[in-house]
Amino acid sequence: QVQLVESGGGSVEAGASLRLTCAASRTPFTINPMAWYRQAPGKQRELVAAFYLGGTTKYDDSVQGQFTISRDVAKNTVFLHMNSLNPDDPAVYCCGGVWRGNSCWGQGTQVTVSS
């Protein structure tokens, strides 16, 4: 089973930027798609952004123009560049993907934004 490990979260002030990284354990199979989700306290998990092989990306309307997803396909790694963080963005961010037809998930990384 492939493992996903996120990093890059932290506590920042409003207006700051963060870059999250999700790296998969070594596997000869490509994870597709790879995506970022977030879950704030008391709310359901929501899809933030997804990256499909071929370069297609998908964003939730709430982060369109603010967040950018990118990936290194060869390394099964996906990034989330988050700009202008605001009080709507704090959550546990986790990455997920489809590996050999099965869903895989990371443990998540906390993002906190102070005003």
C-alpha atoms as a PDB file:
ATOM      1  CA  GLN A   1       0.000   0.000   0.000  1.00  0.00           C
ATOM      2  CA  VAL A   2       1.345   3.412  -0.920  1.00  0.00           C
ATOM      3  CA  GLN A   3       1.708   6.014   1.825  1.00  0.00           C
ATOM      4  CA  LEU A   4       1.184   9.749   1.447  1.00  0.00           C
ATOM      5  CA  VAL A   5       2.957  12.186   3.735  1.00  0.00           C
ATOM      6  CA  GLU A   6       2.111  15.874   3.889  1.00  0.00           C
ATOM      7  CA  SER A   7       4.343  18.671   5.083  1.00  0.00           C
ATOM      8  CA  GLY A   8       4.491  22.446   5.026  1.00  0.00           C
ATOM      9  CA  GLY A   9       1.619  23.392   7.265  1.00  0.00           C
ATOM     10  CA  GLY A  10       1.967  25.850  10.090  1.00  0.00           C
ATOM     11  CA  SER A  11       0.690  28.982  11.731  1.00  0.00           C
ATOM     12  CA  VAL A  12       0.837  32.187   9.714  1.00  0.00           C
ATOM     13  CA  GLU A  13      -0.639  35.650   9.762  1.00  0.00           C
ATOM     14  CA  ALA A  14      -3.438  36.647   7.463  1.00  0.00           C
ATOM     15  CA  GLY A  15      -2.114  37.566   4.051  1.00  0.00           C
ATOM     16  CA  ALA A  16       0.824  35.187   4.202  1.00  0.00           C
ATOM     17  CA  SER A  17       1.573  32.277   1.896  1.00  0.00           C
ATOM     18  CA  LEU A  18       2.349  28.631   2.474  1.00  0.00           C
ATOM     19  CA  ARG A  19       3.350  25.758   0.264  1.00  0.00           C
ATOM     20  CA  LEU A  20       2.159  22.305   1.177  1.00  0.00           C
ATOM     21  CA  THR A  21       3.877  19.184  -0.102  1.00  0.00           C
ATOM     22  CA  CYS A  22       2.510  15.661  -0.352  1.00  0.00           C
ATOM     23  CA  ALA A  23       4.981  12.940  -1.172  1.00  0.00           C
ATOM     24  CA  ALA A  24       4.111   9.331  -1.893  1.00  0.00           C
ATOM     25  CA  SER A  25       6.208   6.413  -0.797  1.00  0.00           C
ATOM     26  CA  ARG A  26       8.191   4.837  -3.567  1.00  0.00           C
ATOM     27  CA  THR A  27       5.981   3.040  -6.033  1.00  0.00           C
ATOM     28  CA  PRO A  28       6.292   2.231  -9.718  1.00  0.00           C
ATOM     29  CA  PHE A  29       2.632   3.113 -10.233  1.00  0.00           C
ATOM     30  CA  THR A  30       1.445   6.640 -10.858  1.00  0.00           C
ATOM     31  CA  ILE A  31      -1.149   8.077  -8.532  1.00  0.00           C
ATOM     32  CA  ASN A  32      -3.877   9.736 -10.566  1.00  0.00           C
ATOM     33  CA  PRO A  33      -5.380  12.044  -9.748  1.00  0.00           C
ATOM     34  CA  MET A  34      -3.638  13.605  -6.771  1.00  0.00           C
ATOM     35  CA  ALA A  35      -5.637  16.134  -4.832  1.00  0.00           C
ATOM     36  CA  TRP A  36      -5.779  18.310  -1.766  1.00  0.00           C
ATOM     37  CA  TYR A  37      -8.666  18.316   0.663  1.00  0.00           C
ATOM     38  CA  ARG A  38      -9.290  20.268   3.804  1.00  0.00           C
ATOM     39  CA  GLN A  39     -11.465  19.867   6.846  1.00  0.00           C
ATOM     40  CA  ALA A  40     -12.160  22.656   9.279  1.00  0.00           C
ATOM     41  CA  PRO A  41     -13.562  21.984  12.762  1.00  0.00           C
ATOM     42  CA  GLY A  42     -17.248  21.159  12.593  1.00  0.00           C
ATOM     43  CA  LYS A  43     -17.272  21.024   8.814  1.00  0.00           C
ATOM     44  CA  GLN A  44     -17.151  18.274   6.254  1.00  0.00           C
ATOM     45  CA  ARG A  45     -14.054  17.513   4.297  1.00  0.00           C
ATOM     46  CA  GLU A  46     -14.002  19.376   1.014  1.00  0.00           C
ATOM     47  CA  LEU A  47     -11.997  19.088  -2.147  1.00  0.00           C
ATOM     48  CA  VAL A  48      -9.679  22.045  -2.557  1.00  0.00           C
ATOM     49  CA  ALA A  49      -7.808  21.214  -5.748  1.00  0.00           C
ATOM     50  CA  ALA A  50      -6.984  18.226  -7.925  1.00  0.00           C
ATOM     51  CA  PHE A  51      -4.343  17.537 -10.534  1.00  0.00           C
ATOM     52  CA  TYR A  52      -4.905  14.971 -13.254  1.00  0.00           C
ATOM     53  CA  LEU A  53      -2.348  13.392 -15.532  1.00  0.00           C
ATOM     54  CA  GLY A  54      -2.159  15.462 -18.680  1.00  0.00           C
ATOM     55  CA  GLY A  55      -2.166  18.653 -16.677  1.00  0.00           C
ATOM     56  CA  THR A  56      -5.860  19.211 -16.037  1.00  0.00           C
ATOM     57  CA  THR A  57      -6.526  20.933 -12.746  1.00  0.00           C
ATOM     58  CA  LYS A  58      -9.684  21.493 -10.786  1.00  0.00           C
ATOM     59  CA  TYR A  59     -10.312  23.968  -7.984  1.00  0.00           C
ATOM     60  CA  ASP A  60     -13.059  24.641  -5.528  1.00  0.00           C
ATOM     61  CA  ASP A  61     -14.621  28.013  -6.264  1.00  0.00           C
ATOM     62  CA  SER A  62     -13.582  29.297  -2.852  1.00  0.00           C
ATOM     63  CA  VAL A  63      -9.854  29.027  -3.664  1.00  0.00           C
ATOM     64  CA  GLN A  64      -9.858  29.745  -7.375  1.00  0.00           C
ATOM     65  CA  GLY A  65      -7.161  32.311  -8.063  1.00  0.00           C
ATOM     66  CA  GLN A  66      -5.785  32.042  -4.531  1.00  0.00           C
ATOM     67  CA  PHE A  67      -4.380  28.501  -4.468  1.00  0.00           C
ATOM     68  CA  THR A  68      -2.369  26.710  -7.140  1.00  0.00           C
ATOM     69  CA  ILE A  69      -1.837  22.980  -7.362  1.00  0.00           C
ATOM     70  CA  SER A  70       1.182  21.515  -9.086  1.00  0.00           C
ATOM     71  CA  ARG A  71       2.883  18.157  -9.145  1.00  0.00           C
ATOM     72  CA  ASP A  72       5.989  16.224  -9.965  1.00  0.00           C
ATOM     73  CA  VAL A  73       4.597  13.186 -11.725  1.00  0.00           C
ATOM     74  CA  ALA A  74       7.854  11.248 -11.702  1.00  0.00           C
ATOM     75  CA  LYS A  75       8.038  11.537  -7.917  1.00  0.00           C
ATOM     76  CA  ASN A  76       4.318  11.127  -7.238  1.00  0.00           C
ATOM     77  CA  THR A  77       4.458  14.424  -5.375  1.00  0.00           C
ATOM     78  CA  VAL A  78       1.857  17.159  -5.342  1.00  0.00           C
ATOM     79  CA  PHE A  79       2.113  20.709  -4.053  1.00  0.00           C
ATOM     80  CA  LEU A  80      -0.419  23.282  -2.970  1.00  0.00           C
ATOM     81  CA  HIS A  81       0.681  26.886  -3.169  1.00  0.00           C
ATOM     82  CA  MET A  82      -1.583  28.966  -0.958  1.00  0.00           C
ATOM     83  CA  ASN A  83      -1.503  32.745  -1.207  1.00  0.00           C
ATOM     84  CA  SER A  84      -3.276  35.472   0.737  1.00  0.00           C
ATOM     85  CA  LEU A  85      -4.335  33.138   3.504  1.00  0.00           C
ATOM     86  CA  ASN A  86      -7.346  34.403   5.400  1.00  0.00           C
ATOM     87  CA  PRO A  87      -9.592  33.333   8.288  1.00  0.00           C
ATOM     88  CA  ASP A  88     -11.621  31.104   5.925  1.00  0.00           C
ATOM     89  CA  ASP A  89      -8.612  28.890   5.227  1.00  0.00           C
ATOM     90  CA  PRO A  90      -7.589  27.292   8.559  1.00  0.00           C
ATOM     91  CA  ALA A  91      -8.104  23.543   8.458  1.00  0.00           C
ATOM     92  CA  VAL A  92      -6.344  20.234   8.367  1.00  0.00           C
ATOM     93  CA  TYR A  93      -5.170  19.827   4.808  1.00  0.00           C
ATOM     94  CA  CYS A  94      -4.646  16.330   3.543  1.00  0.00           C
ATOM     95  CA  CYS A  95      -3.823  14.880   0.204  1.00  0.00           C
ATOM     96  CA  GLY A  96      -5.486  11.996  -1.476  1.00  0.00           C
ATOM     97  CA  GLY A  97      -5.276  10.121  -4.681  1.00  0.00           C
ATOM     98  CA  VAL A  98      -6.160   7.013  -6.603  1.00  0.00           C
ATOM     99  CA  TRP A  99      -3.478   4.354  -6.680  1.00  0.00           C
ATOM    100  CA  ARG A 100      -4.066   1.181  -8.628  1.00  0.00           C
ATOM    101  CA  GLY A 101      -7.806   1.803  -8.465  1.00  0.00           C
ATOM    102  CA  ASN A 102      -7.874   2.398  -4.713  1.00  0.00           C
ATOM    103  CA  SER A 103      -8.094   5.604  -2.721  1.00  0.00           C
ATOM    104  CA  CYS A 104      -5.128   6.572  -0.621  1.00  0.00           C
ATOM    105  CA  TRP A 105      -4.858   9.319   1.962  1.00  0.00           C
ATOM    106  CA  GLY A 106      -2.304  11.144   4.006  1.00  0.00           C
ATOM    107  CA  GLN A 107      -2.599  12.037   7.679  1.00  0.00           C
ATOM    108  CA  GLY A 108      -2.903  15.747   7.065  1.00  0.00           C
ATOM    109  CA  THR A 109      -1.100  18.908   8.030  1.00  0.00           C
ATOM    110  CA  GLN A 110      -2.576  21.737  10.083  1.00  0.00           C
ATOM    111  CA  VAL A 111      -2.846  25.249   8.719  1.00  0.00           C
ATOM    112  CA  THR A 112      -3.668  28.061  11.134  1.00  0.00           C
ATOM    113  CA  VAL A 113      -4.201  31.681  10.180  1.00  0.00           C
ATOM    114  CA  SER A 114      -4.136  34.500  12.698  1.00  0.00           C
ATOM    115  CA  SER A 115      -5.614  37.896  11.991  1.00  0.00           C
END
